[in-house]
PDB file of all heavy atoms in Angstrom:
ATOM      1  N   TYR A   1       0.804  -1.211   0.000  1.00  0.00           N
ATOM      2  CA  TYR A   1       0.000   0.000   0.000  1.00  0.00           C
ATOM      3  C   TYR A   1       0.845   1.272   0.000  1.00  0.00           C
ATOM      4  O   TYR A   1       0.301   2.365   0.163  1.00  0.00           O
ATOM      5  CB  TYR A   1      -0.948   0.014   1.200  1.00  0.00           C
ATOM      6  CG  TYR A   1      -2.104  -0.936   1.058  1.00  0.00           C
ATOM      7  CD1 TYR A   1      -2.170  -2.105   1.807  1.00  0.00           C
ATOM      8  CD2 TYR A   1      -3.133  -0.681   0.153  1.00  0.00           C
ATOM      9  CE1 TYR A   1      -3.230  -2.993   1.676  1.00  0.00           C
ATOM     10  CE2 TYR A   1      -4.197  -1.557   0.006  1.00  0.00           C
ATOM     11  CZ  TYR A   1      -4.239  -2.719   0.773  1.00  0.00           C
ATOM     12  OH  TYR A   1      -5.294  -3.592   0.624  1.00  0.00           O
ATOM     13  N   ALA A   2       2.144   1.150  -0.213  1.00  0.00           N
ATOM     14  CA  ALA A   2       3.006   2.325  -0.342  1.00  0.00           C
ATOM     15  C   ALA A   2       3.483   2.519  -1.779  1.00  0.00           C
ATOM     16  O   ALA A   2       3.519   3.640  -2.277  1.00  0.00           O
ATOM     17  CB  ALA A   2       4.201   2.218   0.594  1.00  0.00           C
ATOM     18  N   GLY A   3       3.841   1.435  -2.443  1.00  0.00           N
ATOM     19  CA  GLY A   3       4.377   1.556  -3.798  1.00  0.00           C
ATOM     20  C   GLY A   3       3.785   0.587  -4.785  1.00  0.00           C
ATOM     21  O   GLY A   3       4.204   0.561  -5.951  1.00  0.00           O
ATOM     22  N   GLY A   4       2.806  -0.198  -4.364  1.00  0.00           N
ATOM     23  CA  GLY A   4       2.252  -1.225  -5.227  1.00  0.00           C
ATOM     24  C   GLY A   4       0.806  -1.030  -5.603  1.00  0.00           C
ATOM     25  O   GLY A   4       0.206  -1.880  -6.255  1.00  0.00           O
ATOM     26  N   VAL A   5       0.219   0.102  -5.184  1.00  0.00           N
ATOM     27  CA  VAL A   5      -1.160   0.422  -5.554  1.00  0.00           C
ATOM     28  C   VAL A   5      -1.207   1.896  -5.951  1.00  0.00           C
ATOM     29  O   VAL A   5      -0.360   2.692  -5.542  1.00  0.00           O
ATOM     30  CB  VAL A   5      -2.156   0.170  -4.400  1.00  0.00           C
ATOM     31  CG1 VAL A   5      -2.167  -1.289  -3.990  1.00  0.00           C
ATOM     32  CG2 VAL A   5      -1.823   1.055  -3.196  1.00  0.00           C
ATOM     33  N   VAL A   6      -2.188   2.246  -6.779  1.00  0.00           N
ATOM     34  CA  VAL A   6      -2.418   3.655  -7.093  1.00  0.00           C
ATOM     35  C   VAL A   6      -3.794   4.036  -6.582  1.00  0.00           C
ATOM     36  O   VAL A   6      -4.732   3.238  -6.618  1.00  0.00           O
ATOM     37  CB  VAL A   6      -2.310   3.950  -8.603  1.00  0.00           C
ATOM     38  CG1 VAL A   6      -0.884   3.766  -9.078  1.00  0.00           C
ATOM     39  CG2 VAL A   6      -3.266   3.080  -9.405  1.00  0.00           C
ATOM     40  N   ARG A   7      -3.904   5.263  -6.099  1.00  0.00           N
ATOM     41  CA  ARG A   7      -5.159   5.773  -5.588  1.00  0.00           C
ATOM     42  C   ARG A   7      -5.336   7.219  -6.052  1.00  0.00           C
ATOM     43  O   ARG A   7      -4.363   7.927  -6.312  1.00  0.00           O
ATOM     44  CB  ARG A   7      -5.191   5.715  -4.052  1.00  0.00           C
ATOM     45  CG  ARG A   7      -5.190   4.300  -3.481  1.00  0.00           C
ATOM     46  CD  ARG A   7      -6.490   3.578  -3.775  1.00  0.00           C
ATOM     47  NE  ARG A   7      -6.567   2.268  -3.147  1.00  0.00           N
ATOM     48  CZ  ARG A   7      -6.206   1.122  -3.720  1.00  0.00           C
ATOM     49  NH1 ARG A   7      -5.719   1.148  -4.965  1.00  0.00           N
ATOM     50  NH2 ARG A   7      -6.325  -0.029  -3.084  1.00  0.00           N
ATOM     51  N   ALA A   8      -6.583   7.653  -6.149  1.00  0.00           N
ATOM     52  CA  ALA A   8      -6.858   9.034  -6.526  1.00  0.00           C
ATOM     53  C   ALA A   8      -6.133   9.982  -5.572  1.00  0.00           C
ATOM     54  O   ALA A   8      -6.220   9.844  -4.350  1.00  0.00           O
ATOM     55  CB  ALA A   8      -8.361   9.291  -6.494  1.00  0.00           C
ATOM     56  N   ALA A   9      -5.398  10.929  -6.150  1.00  0.00           N
ATOM     57  CA  ALA A   9      -4.548  11.803  -5.336  1.00  0.00           C
ATOM     58  C   ALA A   9      -5.331  12.895  -4.634  1.00  0.00           C
ATOM     59  O   ALA A   9      -4.882  13.419  -3.610  1.00  0.00           O
ATOM     60  CB  ALA A   9      -3.470  12.430  -6.216  1.00  0.00           C
ATOM     61  N   GLY A  10      -6.500  13.257  -5.169  1.00  0.00           N
ATOM     62  CA  GLY A  10      -7.263  14.339  -4.554  1.00  0.00           C
ATOM     63  C   GLY A  10      -6.452  15.620  -4.489  1.00  0.00           C
ATOM     64  O   GLY A  10      -5.682  15.947  -5.401  1.00  0.00           O
ATOM     65  N   ASP A  11      -6.583  16.332  -3.383  1.00  0.00           N
ATOM     66  CA  ASP A  11      -5.905  17.621  -3.238  1.00  0.00           C
ATOM     67  C   ASP A  11      -4.425  17.508  -2.886  1.00  0.00           C
ATOM     68  O   ASP A  11      -3.783  18.533  -2.615  1.00  0.00           O
ATOM     69  CB  ASP A  11      -6.612  18.467  -2.176  1.00  0.00           C
ATOM     70  CG  ASP A  11      -7.844  19.166  -2.729  1.00  0.00           C
ATOM     71  OD1 ASP A  11      -8.033  19.146  -3.963  1.00  0.00           O
ATOM     72  OD2 ASP A  11      -8.612  19.725  -1.933  1.00  0.00           O
ATOM     73  N   THR A  12      -3.859  16.299  -2.882  1.00  0.00           N
ATOM     74  CA  THR A  12      -2.402  16.210  -2.701  1.00  0.00           C
ATOM     75  C   THR A  12      -1.681  16.917  -3.841  1.00  0.00           C
ATOM     76  O   THR A  12      -0.541  17.357  -3.682  1.00  0.00           O
ATOM     77  CB  THR A  12      -1.914  14.746  -2.635  1.00  0.00           C
ATOM     78  OG1 THR A  12      -2.190  14.104  -3.882  1.00  0.00           O
ATOM     79  CG2 THR A  12      -2.565  13.990  -1.501  1.00  0.00           C
ATOM     80  N   THR A  13      -2.356  17.053  -4.997  1.00  0.00           N
ATOM     81  CA  THR A  13      -1.734  17.717  -6.149  1.00  0.00           C
ATOM     82  C   THR A  13      -1.930  19.231  -6.134  1.00  0.00           C
ATOM     83  O   THR A  13      -1.279  19.940  -6.906  1.00  0.00           O
ATOM     84  CB  THR A  13      -2.311  17.168  -7.461  1.00  0.00           C
ATOM     85  OG1 THR A  13      -3.718  17.472  -7.522  1.00  0.00           O
ATOM     86  CG2 THR A  13      -2.145  15.657  -7.549  1.00  0.00           C
ATOM     87  N   ARG A  14      -2.794  19.725  -5.281  1.00  0.00           N
ATOM     88  CA  ARG A  14      -3.143  21.155  -5.313  1.00  0.00           C
ATOM     89  C   ARG A  14      -1.948  22.093  -5.154  1.00  0.00           C
ATOM     90  O   ARG A  14      -1.839  23.085  -5.899  1.00  0.00           O
ATOM     91  CB  ARG A  14      -4.202  21.449  -4.247  1.00  0.00           C
ATOM     92  CG  ARG A  14      -4.576  22.925  -4.132  1.00  0.00           C
ATOM     93  CD  ARG A  14      -5.676  23.146  -3.098  1.00  0.00           C
ATOM     94  NE  ARG A  14      -5.347  22.581  -1.804  1.00  0.00           N
ATOM     95  CZ  ARG A  14      -4.562  23.183  -0.909  1.00  0.00           C
ATOM     96  NH1 ARG A  14      -4.025  24.357  -1.193  1.00  0.00           N
ATOM     97  NH2 ARG A  14      -4.314  22.620   0.259  1.00  0.00           N
ATOM     98  N   PRO A  15      -1.018  21.872  -4.216  1.00  0.00           N
ATOM     99  CA  PRO A  15       0.088  22.820  -4.076  1.00  0.00           C
ATOM    100  C   PRO A  15       0.973  22.932  -5.316  1.00  0.00           C
ATOM    101  O   PRO A  15       1.675  23.937  -5.476  1.00  0.00           O
ATOM    102  CB  PRO A  15       0.882  22.245  -2.887  1.00  0.00           C
ATOM    103  CG  PRO A  15      -0.123  21.479  -2.109  1.00  0.00           C
ATOM    104  CD  PRO A  15      -1.014  20.865  -3.139  1.00  0.00           C
ATOM    105  N   PHE A  16       0.935  21.931  -6.185  1.00  0.00           N
ATOM    106  CA  PHE A  16       1.787  21.973  -7.374  1.00  0.00           C
ATOM    107  C   PHE A  16       1.177  22.812  -8.483  1.00  0.00           C
ATOM    108  O   PHE A  16       1.905  23.401  -9.293  1.00  0.00           O
ATOM    109  CB  PHE A  16       2.059  20.554  -7.870  1.00  0.00           C
ATOM    110  CG  PHE A  16       2.850  19.739  -6.902  1.00  0.00           C
ATOM    111  CD1 PHE A  16       2.213  19.002  -5.914  1.00  0.00           C
ATOM    112  CD2 PHE A  16       4.226  19.732  -6.938  1.00  0.00           C
ATOM    113  CE1 PHE A  16       2.932  18.261  -4.991  1.00  0.00           C
ATOM    114  CE2 PHE A  16       4.964  19.003  -6.022  1.00  0.00           C
ATOM    115  CZ  PHE A  16       4.316  18.263  -5.045  1.00  0.00           C
ATOM    116  N   GLY A  17      -0.133  22.849  -8.547  1.00  0.00           N
ATOM    117  CA  GLY A  17      -0.794  23.705  -9.512  1.00  0.00           C
ATOM    118  C   GLY A  17      -0.919  23.142 -10.906  1.00  0.00           C
ATOM    119  O   GLY A  17      -1.755  23.583 -11.683  1.00  0.00           O
ATOM    120  N   SER A  18      -0.096  22.159 -11.270  1.00  0.00           N
ATOM    121  CA  SER A  18      -0.172  21.585 -12.611  1.00  0.00           C
ATOM    122  C   SER A  18       0.472  20.219 -12.627  1.00  0.00           C
ATOM    123  O   SER A  18       1.335  19.901 -11.801  1.00  0.00           O
ATOM    124  CB  SER A  18       0.529  22.487 -13.631  1.00  0.00           C
ATOM    125  OG  SER A  18       1.937  22.458 -13.443  1.00  0.00           O
ATOM    126  N   VAL A  19       0.051  19.410 -13.596  1.00  0.00           N
ATOM    127  CA  VAL A  19       0.653  18.093 -13.777  1.00  0.00           C
ATOM    128  C   VAL A  19       2.131  18.218 -14.120  1.00  0.00           C
ATOM    129  O   VAL A  19       2.954  17.412 -13.691  1.00  0.00           O
ATOM    130  CB  VAL A  19      -0.105  17.323 -14.882  1.00  0.00           C
ATOM    131  CG1 VAL A  19       0.684  16.094 -15.326  1.00  0.00           C
ATOM    132  CG2 VAL A  19      -1.477  16.896 -14.382  1.00  0.00           C
ATOM    133  N   ALA A  20       2.477  19.259 -14.880  1.00  0.00           N
ATOM    134  CA  ALA A  20       3.876  19.444 -15.273  1.00  0.00           C
ATOM    135  C   ALA A  20       4.779  19.581 -14.061  1.00  0.00           C
ATOM    136  O   ALA A  20       5.890  19.028 -14.023  1.00  0.00           O
ATOM    137  CB  ALA A  20       4.004  20.667 -16.173  1.00  0.00           C
ATOM    138  N   LEU A  21       4.314  20.305 -13.034  1.00  0.00           N
ATOM    139  CA  LEU A  21       5.131  20.463 -11.834  1.00  0.00           C
ATOM    140  C   LEU A  21       5.192  19.179 -11.026  1.00  0.00           C
ATOM    141  O   LEU A  21       6.202  18.911 -10.366  1.00  0.00           O
ATOM    142  CB  LEU A  21       4.599  21.609 -10.974  1.00  0.00           C
ATOM    143  CG  LEU A  21       4.964  23.018 -11.430  1.00  0.00           C
ATOM    144  CD1 LEU A  21       4.469  24.046 -10.424  1.00  0.00           C
ATOM    145  CD2 LEU A  21       6.473  23.162 -11.617  1.00  0.00           C
ATOM    146  N   MET A  22       4.121  18.372 -11.047  1.00  0.00           N
ATOM    147  CA  MET A  22       4.183  17.078 -10.379  1.00  0.00           C
ATOM    148  C   MET A  22       5.280  16.229 -11.007  1.00  0.00           C
ATOM    149  O   MET A  22       6.057  15.562 -10.314  1.00  0.00           O
ATOM    150  CB  MET A  22       2.843  16.348 -10.494  1.00  0.00           C
ATOM    151  CG  MET A  22       1.731  16.909  -9.620  1.00  0.00           C
ATOM    152  SD  MET A  22       2.016  16.673  -7.847  1.00  0.00           S
ATOM    153  CE  MET A  22       1.726  14.915  -7.679  1.00  0.00           C
ATOM    154  N   ARG A  23       5.367  16.208 -12.371  1.00  0.00           N
ATOM    155  CA  ARG A  23       6.433  15.452 -13.044  1.00  0.00           C
ATOM    156  C   ARG A  23       7.803  16.010 -12.693  1.00  0.00           C
ATOM    157  O   ARG A  23       8.763  15.266 -12.491  1.00  0.00           O
ATOM    158  CB  ARG A  23       6.183  15.496 -14.548  1.00  0.00           C
ATOM    159  CG  ARG A  23       5.018  14.625 -14.978  1.00  0.00           C
ATOM    160  CD  ARG A  23       4.732  14.793 -16.443  1.00  0.00           C
ATOM    161  NE  ARG A  23       3.666  13.853 -16.829  1.00  0.00           N
ATOM    162  CZ  ARG A  23       2.783  14.068 -17.733  1.00  0.00           C
ATOM    163  NH1 ARG A  23       2.755  15.197 -18.363  1.00  0.00           N
ATOM    164  NH2 ARG A  23       1.864  13.157 -18.023  1.00  0.00           N
ATOM    165  N   ALA A  24       7.880  17.374 -12.636  1.00  0.00           N
ATOM    166  CA  ALA A  24       9.155  18.006 -12.320  1.00  0.00           C
ATOM    167  C   ALA A  24       9.617  17.680 -10.912  1.00  0.00           C
ATOM    168  O   ALA A  24      10.809  17.638 -10.621  1.00  0.00           O
ATOM    169  CB  ALA A  24       9.043  19.524 -12.494  1.00  0.00           C
ATOM    170  N   ALA A  25       8.668  17.442 -10.008  1.00  0.00           N
ATOM    171  CA  ALA A  25       8.993  17.136  -8.619  1.00  0.00           C
ATOM    172  C   ALA A  25       9.367  15.680  -8.404  1.00  0.00           C
ATOM    173  O   ALA A  25       9.654  15.279  -7.281  1.00  0.00           O
ATOM    174  CB  ALA A  25       7.818  17.499  -7.720  1.00  0.00           C
ATOM    175  N   GLY A  26       9.358  14.886  -9.459  1.00  0.00           N
ATOM    176  CA  GLY A  26       9.820  13.508  -9.335  1.00  0.00           C
ATOM    177  C   GLY A  26       8.770  12.444  -9.503  1.00  0.00           C
ATOM    178  O   GLY A  26       9.071  11.254  -9.387  1.00  0.00           O
ATOM    179  N   VAL A  27       7.505  12.818  -9.780  1.00  0.00           N
ATOM    180  CA  VAL A  27       6.459  11.826  -9.991  1.00  0.00           C
ATOM    181  C   VAL A  27       6.553  11.311 -11.424  1.00  0.00           C
ATOM    182  O   VAL A  27       6.468  12.097 -12.371  1.00  0.00           O
ATOM    183  CB  VAL A  27       5.063  12.426  -9.748  1.00  0.00           C
ATOM    184  CG1 VAL A  27       3.975  11.411 -10.072  1.00  0.00           C
ATOM    185  CG2 VAL A  27       4.941  12.893  -8.300  1.00  0.00           C
ATOM    186  N   PRO A  28       6.728  10.013 -11.619  1.00  0.00           N
ATOM    187  CA  PRO A  28       6.841   9.490 -12.977  1.00  0.00           C
ATOM    188  C   PRO A  28       5.509   9.537 -13.709  1.00  0.00           C
ATOM    189  O   PRO A  28       4.444   9.580 -13.095  1.00  0.00           O
ATOM    190  CB  PRO A  28       7.299   8.042 -12.764  1.00  0.00           C
ATOM    191  CG  PRO A  28       6.764   7.692 -11.413  1.00  0.00           C
ATOM    192  CD  PRO A  28       6.835   8.957 -10.607  1.00  0.00           C
ATOM    193  N   GLU A  29       5.580   9.534 -15.041  1.00  0.00           N
ATOM    194  CA  GLU A  29       4.350   9.514 -15.830  1.00  0.00           C
ATOM    195  C   GLU A  29       3.621   8.191 -15.687  1.00  0.00           C
ATOM    196  O   GLU A  29       2.393   8.137 -15.779  1.00  0.00           O
ATOM    197  CB  GLU A  29       4.662   9.779 -17.304  1.00  0.00           C
ATOM    198  CG  GLU A  29       5.225  11.173 -17.566  1.00  0.00           C
ATOM    199  CD  GLU A  29       5.433  11.420 -19.036  1.00  0.00           C
ATOM    200  OE1 GLU A  29       4.703  10.822 -19.852  1.00  0.00           O
ATOM    201  OE2 GLU A  29       6.335  12.205 -19.383  1.00  0.00           O
ATOM    202  N   SER A  30       4.374   7.116 -15.454  1.00  0.00           N
ATOM    203  CA  SER A  30       3.766   5.797 -15.286  1.00  0.00           C
ATOM    204  C   SER A  30       4.624   4.977 -14.342  1.00  0.00           C
ATOM    205  O   SER A  30       5.776   5.321 -14.070  1.00  0.00           O
ATOM    206  CB  SER A  30       3.639   5.078 -16.638  1.00  0.00           C
ATOM    207  OG  SER A  30       4.920   4.845 -17.199  1.00  0.00           O
ATOM    208  N   ALA A  31       4.047   3.895 -13.826  1.00  0.00           N
ATOM    209  CA  ALA A  31       4.764   3.013 -12.909  1.00  0.00           C
ATOM    210  C   ALA A  31       4.201   1.605 -13.036  1.00  0.00           C
ATOM    211  O   ALA A  31       3.055   1.414 -13.457  1.00  0.00           O
ATOM    212  CB  ALA A  31       4.639   3.503 -11.466  1.00  0.00           C
ATOM    213  N   GLU A  32       5.005   0.628 -12.655  1.00  0.00           N
ATOM    214  CA  GLU A  32       4.537  -0.753 -12.657  1.00  0.00           C
ATOM    215  C   GLU A  32       3.720  -0.991 -11.391  1.00  0.00           C
ATOM    216  O   GLU A  32       4.230  -0.887 -10.282  1.00  0.00           O
ATOM    217  CB  GLU A  32       5.711  -1.726 -12.717  1.00  0.00           C
ATOM    218  CG  GLU A  32       5.284  -3.180 -12.798  1.00  0.00           C
ATOM    219  CD  GLU A  32       6.456  -4.131 -12.929  1.00  0.00           C
ATOM    220  OE1 GLU A  32       7.462  -3.747 -13.534  1.00  0.00           O
ATOM    221  OE2 GLU A  32       6.356  -5.248 -12.402  1.00  0.00           O
ATOM    222  N   VAL A  33       2.463  -1.308 -11.565  1.00  0.00           N
ATOM    223  CA  VAL A  33       1.556  -1.541 -10.447  1.00  0.00           C
ATOM    224  C   VAL A  33       0.839  -2.857 -10.685  1.00  0.00           C
ATOM    225  O   VAL A  33       0.195  -3.048 -11.719  1.00  0.00           O
ATOM    226  CB  VAL A  33       0.520  -0.402 -10.313  1.00  0.00           C
ATOM    227  CG1 VAL A  33      -0.426  -0.684  -9.157  1.00  0.00           C
ATOM    228  CG2 VAL A  33       1.238   0.930 -10.103  1.00  0.00           C
ATOM    229  N   GLU A  34       0.984  -3.778  -9.721  1.00  0.00           N
ATOM    230  CA  GLU A  34       0.362  -5.098  -9.807  1.00  0.00           C
ATOM    231  C   GLU A  34       0.693  -5.790 -11.126  1.00  0.00           C
ATOM    232  O   GLU A  34      -0.163  -6.376 -11.778  1.00  0.00           O
ATOM    233  CB  GLU A  34      -1.155  -4.980  -9.618  1.00  0.00           C
ATOM    234  CG  GLU A  34      -1.540  -4.449  -8.240  1.00  0.00           C
ATOM    235  CD  GLU A  34      -3.039  -4.300  -8.060  1.00  0.00           C
ATOM    236  OE1 GLU A  34      -3.754  -4.201  -9.086  1.00  0.00           O
ATOM    237  OE2 GLU A  34      -3.502  -4.301  -6.903  1.00  0.00           O
ATOM    238  N   GLY A  35       1.961  -5.670 -11.521  1.00  0.00           N
ATOM    239  CA  GLY A  35       2.447  -6.406 -12.684  1.00  0.00           C
ATOM    240  C   GLY A  35       2.185  -5.776 -14.033  1.00  0.00           C
ATOM    241  O   GLY A  35       2.540  -6.358 -15.069  1.00  0.00           O
ATOM    242  N   ARG A  36       1.609  -4.579 -14.062  1.00  0.00           N
ATOM    243  CA  ARG A  36       1.365  -3.937 -15.354  1.00  0.00           C
ATOM    244  C   ARG A  36       1.695  -2.452 -15.272  1.00  0.00           C
ATOM    245  O   ARG A  36       1.657  -1.847 -14.211  1.00  0.00           O
ATOM    246  CB  ARG A  36      -0.073  -4.133 -15.809  1.00  0.00           C
ATOM    247  CG  ARG A  36      -1.123  -3.513 -14.911  1.00  0.00           C
ATOM    248  CD  ARG A  36      -2.529  -3.756 -15.427  1.00  0.00           C
ATOM    249  NE  ARG A  36      -3.544  -3.140 -14.607  1.00  0.00           N
ATOM    250  CZ  ARG A  36      -4.071  -3.690 -13.528  1.00  0.00           C
ATOM    251  NH1 ARG A  36      -3.680  -4.895 -13.139  1.00  0.00           N
ATOM    252  NH2 ARG A  36      -4.998  -3.048 -12.835  1.00  0.00           N
ATOM    253  N   ARG A  37       2.005  -1.879 -16.441  1.00  0.00           N
ATOM    254  CA  ARG A  37       2.354  -0.470 -16.515  1.00  0.00           C
ATOM    255  C   ARG A  37       1.086   0.364 -16.356  1.00  0.00           C
ATOM    256  O   ARG A  37       0.084   0.140 -17.040  1.00  0.00           O
ATOM    257  CB  ARG A  37       3.018  -0.175 -17.858  1.00  0.00           C
ATOM    258  CG  ARG A  37       4.004   0.965 -17.816  1.00  0.00           C
ATOM    259  CD  ARG A  37       5.228   0.571 -17.005  1.00  0.00           C
ATOM    260  NE  ARG A  37       6.056   1.730 -16.678  1.00  0.00           N
ATOM    261  CZ  ARG A  37       6.979   1.716 -15.758  1.00  0.00           C
ATOM    262  NH1 ARG A  37       7.204   0.643 -15.044  1.00  0.00           N
ATOM    263  NH2 ARG A  37       7.701   2.786 -15.517  1.00  0.00           N
ATOM    264  N   THR A  38       1.122   1.341 -15.448  1.00  0.00           N
ATOM    265  CA  THR A  38      -0.050   2.143 -15.142  1.00  0.00           C
ATOM    266  C   THR A  38       0.274   3.622 -15.293  1.00  0.00           C
ATOM    267  O   THR A  38       1.274   4.105 -14.749  1.00  0.00           O
ATOM    268  CB  THR A  38      -0.534   1.873 -13.704  1.00  0.00           C
ATOM    269  OG1 THR A  38      -0.833   0.483 -13.558  1.00  0.00           O
ATOM    270  CG2 THR A  38      -1.772   2.688 -13.383  1.00  0.00           C
TER     271      THR A  38
END
């Protein structure tokens, strides 16, 4: 439940203001979750 599942982020993204800044802060565009690329 830390790195093997994805959940709706809700307002955790609010301080960044944009998806571009989330990527810039180190969030990958995709990740392997439960054996498949997500």
